Amino acid sequence: MDAESIQQRLREHATQVGAWFWSLFTNKYFWQGLGGLLAVALVLYLAVDRVAMPAYTRHDTAVTVPEVKDRPFEEASQILQRRSLQVERQRAQQYNPRVPRGEVLDQQPPANALVKPGRRIYLTVNAGQTPVVQMPDLGGTSIREAKNRLMALGLQTARVRPDPIPAPYPNTITKQSPAPGDSVQKGTSVNLWYSQGLGDEETTVPDVRGMQVPSAQRALLDRNLRSVVVDTTQDADLSQVPVQSQSRAPGTSVRAGVEIRLFVQRDTSATDTLRLRSERPE
């Protein structure tokens, strides 16, 4: 087939297509059907937009969330329920001692927010009781480390003062109040004393052999000397245990603040590892 024949066929096909479109364009039934479809689509759109969706989403209904912070939980719950709102209680992770127990600390969504009726409001309530922690033994730690450890436990540092009794290691904690092992509430203030180093004055080591441990410790403190108990009894109560020997001979001249080791042994058959316990007088 030559090129002229192909062009002739294309012209005939284009003429047929054009005639078909013209007949469709001039057909009144086509336009009536198209108009009917458009009318049905418009009615369906208006029904969904104006009736179905508002009914489903309550588009025209909104509730203003009231302010219930700083109110007792029961009172806050009643206020929200009167506004057709649901309530879910969430307990605060930490107890706030400056706020009464059971009082609302926070609310989500916040006050004055517009929400749908039935929306759940989350109330964070102050914990019912103050958490209790055990006082750590801060003896021998630096002042900075002691403060950090107290902060990590939720405790506060009240006063940090120099210890009037010399101690071997400057700027380390020598005494604390409350004492190590005491159970205290979070937020409790702790007083600390720190070492200023050994004293410049000389003192004489007393003979404390045969004395019970508390009496021996007091006798050393009277000479501005500190003590470390070397205990092989494996017994927590040393109040009735006598001192068998001491690390510095009686009558020895030493600088104030030097530590004297006190060796005690209730049961001579005990061979367990030595246990050191530093005395920290109040």
Protein backbone atom coordinates (compact mmCIF):
# COMPACT_ATOMS: atom_id res chain seq x y z
CA MET A 1 0.00 0.00 0.00
CA ASP A 2 1.41 3.32 -1.06
CA ALA A 3 1.56 6.49 1.01
CA GLU A 4 -1.37 8.11 -0.80
CA SER A 5 -3.65 5.20 0.07
CA ILE A 6 -2.67 5.37 3.75
CA GLN A 7 -3.41 9.07 3.93
CA GLN A 8 -6.82 8.47 2.27
CA ARG A 9 -7.73 5.87 4.91
CA LEU A 10 -6.66 8.15 7.77
CA ARG A 11 -8.85 10.96 6.40
CA GLU A 12 -11.81 8.60 6.18
CA HIS A 13 -11.27 7.38 9.79
CA ALA A 14 -11.00 10.95 11.10
CA THR A 15 -14.21 11.85 9.31
CA GLN A 16 -16.03 8.90 10.91
CA VAL A 17 -14.78 9.80 14.40
CA GLY A 18 -15.80 13.41 13.96
CA ALA A 19 -19.24 12.37 12.74
CA TRP A 20 -19.66 10.15 15.84
CA PHE A 21 -18.72 12.94 18.27
CA TRP A 22 -21.05 15.35 16.47
CA SER A 23 -23.95 12.95 16.67
CA LEU A 24 -23.24 12.43 20.42
CA PHE A 25 -22.99 16.19 20.98
CA THR A 26 -26.34 16.80 19.29
CA ASN A 27 -28.09 13.88 21.02
CA LYS A 28 -30.50 15.25 23.66
CA TYR A 29 -30.73 11.88 25.46
CA PHE A 30 -26.98 11.95 26.11
CA TRP A 31 -27.22 15.34 27.80
CA GLN A 32 -30.27 14.34 29.79
CA GLY A 33 -28.47 11.23 31.11
CA LEU A 34 -25.33 13.17 31.94
CA GLY A 35 -27.37 15.81 33.74
CA GLY A 36 -29.15 13.11 35.72
CA LEU A 37 -25.86 11.55 36.84
CA LEU A 38 -24.51 14.93 37.93
CA ALA A 39 -27.70 15.65 39.87
CA VAL A 40 -27.50 12.30 41.71
CA ALA A 41 -23.81 12.88 42.54
CA LEU A 42 -24.59 16.37 43.90
CA VAL A 43 -27.40 15.04 46.09
CA LEU A 44 -25.16 12.31 47.48
CA TYR A 45 -22.36 14.79 48.24
CA LEU A 46 -24.72 17.16 50.07
CA ALA A 47 -26.22 14.29 52.07
CA VAL A 48 -22.80 13.07 53.23
CA ASP A 49 -21.35 16.52 53.86
CA ARG A 50 -24.33 18.11 55.61
CA VAL A 51 -25.96 15.16 57.35
CA ALA A 52 -23.88 12.01 57.68
CA MET A 53 -20.48 13.49 58.56
CA PRO A 54 -21.73 16.04 61.14
CA ALA A 55 -23.76 13.28 62.81
CA TYR A 56 -20.70 11.02 62.91
CA THR A 57 -18.15 13.60 64.06
CA ARG A 58 -20.47 15.94 66.02
CA HIS A 59 -19.03 18.76 63.98
CA ASP A 60 -21.20 21.41 65.58
CA THR A 61 -20.69 20.11 69.17
CA ALA A 62 -17.63 21.01 71.24
CA VAL A 63 -16.85 21.14 74.94
CA THR A 64 -14.43 23.56 76.57
CA VAL A 65 -12.12 21.69 78.95
CA PRO A 66 -12.32 23.31 82.40
CA GLU A 67 -9.29 24.13 84.56
CA VAL A 68 -8.97 21.44 87.23
CA LYS A 69 -5.30 21.71 88.17
CA ASP A 70 -4.58 22.29 91.87
CA ARG A 71 -7.88 20.63 92.81
CA PRO A 72 -8.37 17.32 94.64
CA PHE A 73 -8.81 14.47 92.18
CA GLU A 74 -12.39 13.64 93.23
CA GLU A 75 -13.51 17.24 92.82
CA ALA A 76 -11.74 17.55 89.45
CA SER A 77 -13.33 14.30 88.26
CA GLN A 78 -16.83 15.52 89.12
CA ILE A 79 -16.28 18.81 87.27
CA LEU A 80 -15.16 17.02 84.12
CA GLN A 81 -17.95 14.45 84.22
CA ARG A 82 -20.54 17.25 84.42
CA ARG A 83 -19.12 18.45 81.08
CA SER A 84 -19.67 14.98 79.54
CA LEU A 85 -15.94 14.23 79.64
CA GLN A 86 -14.25 11.01 80.74
CA VAL A 87 -11.48 10.95 83.32
CA GLU A 88 -8.35 8.81 83.57
CA ARG A 89 -6.09 9.10 86.59
CA GLN A 90 -2.33 8.99 86.17
CA ARG A 91 -0.05 8.84 89.20
CA ALA A 92 2.91 11.23 89.25
CA GLN A 93 6.27 9.50 89.07
CA GLN A 94 7.62 11.62 91.91
CA TYR A 95 5.96 12.92 95.02
CA ASN A 96 5.88 16.72 95.31
CA PRO A 97 6.07 17.61 99.02
CA ARG A 98 4.89 21.16 98.30
CA VAL A 99 1.55 19.93 96.95
CA PRO A 100 -1.11 18.05 98.98
CA ARG A 101 -1.47 14.36 98.28
CA GLY A 102 -4.16 13.49 95.76
CA GLU A 103 -4.11 16.93 94.12
CA VAL A 104 -4.07 17.31 90.34
CA LEU A 105 -0.63 18.39 89.09
CA ASP A 106 -1.35 18.41 85.35
CA GLN A 107 -4.14 17.78 82.85
CA GLN A 108 -4.16 16.78 79.19
CA PRO A 109 -5.74 18.24 77.10
CA PRO A 110 -5.09 21.55 78.87
CA ALA A 111 -7.73 23.95 80.16
CA ASN A 112 -9.82 25.87 77.58
CA ALA A 113 -9.11 23.34 74.82
CA LEU A 114 -12.14 22.51 72.60
CA VAL A 115 -12.83 18.76 72.48
CA LYS A 116 -15.68 16.43 71.54
CA PRO A 117 -18.10 15.24 74.24
CA GLY A 118 -16.89 11.99 75.75
CA ARG A 119 -13.22 12.88 75.24
CA ARG A 120 -10.88 11.31 77.80
CA ILE A 121 -9.04 13.81 80.03
CA TYR A 122 -5.80 12.56 81.64
CA LEU A 123 -5.15 13.89 85.15
CA THR A 124 -1.71 13.54 86.75
CA VAL A 125 -2.20 13.30 90.51
CA ASN A 126 0.37 13.83 93.26
CA ALA A 127 1.54 10.49 94.67
CA GLY A 128 -0.22 9.16 97.73
CA GLN A 129 2.88 8.71 99.86
CA THR A 130 6.41 10.02 100.09
CA PRO A 131 8.95 7.52 98.69
CA VAL A 132 11.49 6.31 101.24
CA VAL A 133 15.17 5.76 100.44
CA GLN A 134 18.09 4.45 102.46
CA MET A 135 20.81 6.91 103.37
CA PRO A 136 24.08 6.02 101.63
CA ASP A 137 27.42 5.98 103.42
CA LEU A 138 29.17 9.09 102.11
CA GLY A 139 32.24 8.77 104.30
CA GLY A 140 35.49 9.25 102.41
CA THR A 141 33.84 10.63 99.26
CA SER A 142 34.53 14.09 97.88
CA ILE A 143 32.07 16.89 98.60
CA ARG A 144 30.99 17.02 94.95
CA GLU A 145 30.43 13.28 94.72
CA ALA A 146 28.46 13.29 97.96
CA LYS A 147 26.14 16.02 96.66
CA ASN A 148 25.63 14.16 93.37
CA ARG A 149 24.76 10.92 95.16
CA LEU A 150 22.25 12.69 97.37
CA MET A 151 20.66 14.40 94.35
CA ALA A 152 20.37 11.09 92.49
CA LEU A 153 18.40 9.66 95.44
CA GLY A 154 16.07 12.67 95.61
CA LEU A 155 17.71 14.04 98.78
CA GLN A 156 18.87 17.59 99.38
CA THR A 157 22.13 18.92 100.76
CA ALA A 158 21.43 21.22 103.69
CA ARG A 159 24.75 22.45 105.09
CA VAL A 160 28.35 21.49 104.34
CA ARG A 161 30.66 22.43 107.18
CA PRO A 162 34.27 21.72 108.14
CA ASP A 163 34.70 18.99 110.72
CA PRO A 164 36.34 20.43 113.88
CA ILE A 165 38.17 17.13 114.42
CA PRO A 166 41.09 16.71 111.95
CA ALA A 167 41.02 13.80 109.49
CA PRO A 168 43.67 12.33 107.14
CA TYR A 169 42.13 13.16 103.75
CA PRO A 170 41.27 16.83 103.04
CA ASN A 171 37.93 17.77 101.44
CA THR A 172 36.38 14.36 101.99
CA ILE A 173 33.22 13.66 103.97
CA THR A 174 33.86 12.63 107.57
CA LYS A 175 30.36 12.77 109.05
CA GLN A 176 26.74 13.01 107.92
CA SER A 177 23.30 13.44 109.41
CA PRO A 178 21.08 11.40 108.99
CA ALA A 179 23.46 8.49 109.52
CA PRO A 180 24.26 5.84 106.89
CA GLY A 181 21.59 3.15 106.60
CA ASP A 182 18.77 5.31 108.00
CA SER A 183 15.49 5.22 106.08
CA VAL A 184 14.46 8.74 105.11
CA GLN A 185 11.81 10.28 102.88
CA LYS A 186 12.75 11.75 99.52
CA GLY A 187 13.33 15.47 99.83
CA THR A 188 15.03 15.11 103.22
CA SER A 189 17.86 17.59 103.87
CA VAL A 190 21.24 16.08 104.78
CA ASN A 191 24.00 17.82 106.71
CA LEU A 192 27.61 17.05 105.78
CA TRP A 193 30.97 17.62 107.45
CA TYR A 194 34.27 17.45 105.59
CA SER A 195 37.91 16.99 106.53
CA GLN A 196 40.38 19.86 106.56
CA GLY A 197 43.31 17.45 106.72
CA LEU A 198 45.54 16.44 109.60
CA GLY A 199 46.03 18.94 112.39
CA ASP A 200 49.27 20.77 113.03
CA GLU A 201 49.29 19.82 116.72
CA GLU A 202 50.77 16.63 118.14
CA THR A 203 48.79 14.34 120.42
CA THR A 204 49.59 11.18 122.37
CA VAL A 205 47.92 7.86 121.53
CA PRO A 206 46.04 6.54 124.59
CA ASP A 207 45.93 2.89 125.65
CA VAL A 208 42.45 1.61 124.70
CA ARG A 209 43.17 -2.13 124.88
CA GLY A 210 40.52 -3.99 126.87
CA MET A 211 37.99 -1.19 126.48
CA GLN A 212 34.71 -1.87 124.74
CA VAL A 213 34.65 -0.41 121.22
CA PRO A 214 32.43 2.66 121.91
CA SER A 215 34.52 3.64 124.94
CA ALA A 216 37.75 3.19 122.99
CA GLN A 217 36.47 5.37 120.17
CA ARG A 218 35.46 8.14 122.57
CA ALA A 219 38.88 8.01 124.26
CA LEU A 220 40.56 8.48 120.87
CA LEU A 221 38.25 11.35 119.90
CA ASP A 222 39.13 13.09 123.15
CA ARG A 223 42.72 13.17 121.79
CA ASN A 224 41.51 14.34 118.32
CA LEU A 225 42.25 10.92 116.87
CA ARG A 226 39.99 8.88 114.61
CA SER A 227 39.53 5.13 114.58
CA VAL A 228 38.89 2.27 112.17
CA VAL A 229 37.52 -0.96 113.62
CA VAL A 230 39.03 -4.14 112.19
CA ASP A 231 36.35 -6.69 113.01
CA THR A 232 36.68 -10.47 112.64
CA THR A 233 33.56 -11.23 114.69
CA GLN A 234 31.21 -10.77 111.70
CA ASP A 235 28.79 -9.27 114.20
CA ALA A 236 27.02 -6.00 113.50
CA ASP A 237 26.79 -5.09 117.19
CA LEU A 238 30.20 -4.22 118.62
CA SER A 239 28.94 -2.31 121.64
CA GLN A 240 30.00 -5.07 124.04
CA VAL A 241 33.15 -6.23 122.21
CA PRO A 242 36.53 -5.31 123.78
CA VAL A 243 39.51 -4.02 121.83
CA GLN A 244 42.28 -6.61 121.68
CA SER A 245 45.02 -4.49 120.13
CA GLN A 246 45.63 -1.16 118.43
CA SER A 247 47.76 -0.10 115.43
CA ARG A 248 49.73 2.62 117.26
CA ALA A 249 51.41 1.82 120.56
CA PRO A 250 50.13 3.70 123.61
CA GLY A 251 52.18 6.84 124.30
CA THR A 252 53.14 7.32 120.63
CA SER A 253 53.15 10.98 119.52
CA VAL A 254 51.17 11.56 116.29
CA ARG A 255 49.49 14.45 114.47
CA ALA A 256 45.88 15.18 115.35
CA GLY A 257 43.45 13.38 113.02
CA VAL A 258 45.53 10.23 112.48
CA GLU A 259 43.44 7.03 112.24
CA ILE A 260 44.12 4.33 114.82
CA ARG A 261 43.08 0.80 113.91
CA LEU A 262 41.28 -1.10 116.64
CA PHE A 263 41.41 -4.89 116.35
CA VAL A 264 38.54 -6.86 117.91
CA GLN A 265 37.74 -10.57 117.82
CA ARG A 266 34.95 -12.14 119.81
CA ASP A 267 35.39 -15.65 118.44
CA THR A 268 39.03 -16.66 117.97
CA SER A 269 37.98 -19.40 115.53
CA ALA A 270 36.63 -16.86 113.03
CA THR A 271 38.93 -16.70 110.02
CA ASP A 272 36.76 -14.80 107.56
CA THR A 273 38.09 -11.83 105.63
CA LEU A 274 38.68 -8.74 107.76
CA ARG A 275 35.88 -6.21 107.70
CA LEU A 276 36.75 -2.51 108.00
CA ARG A 277 34.28 -0.08 109.40
CA SER A 278 35.21 3.59 109.86
CA GLU A 279 33.76 5.40 112.83
CA ARG A 280 31.98 8.66 112.07
CA PRO A 281 30.88 10.35 115.30
CA GLU A 282 27.90 12.64 115.36
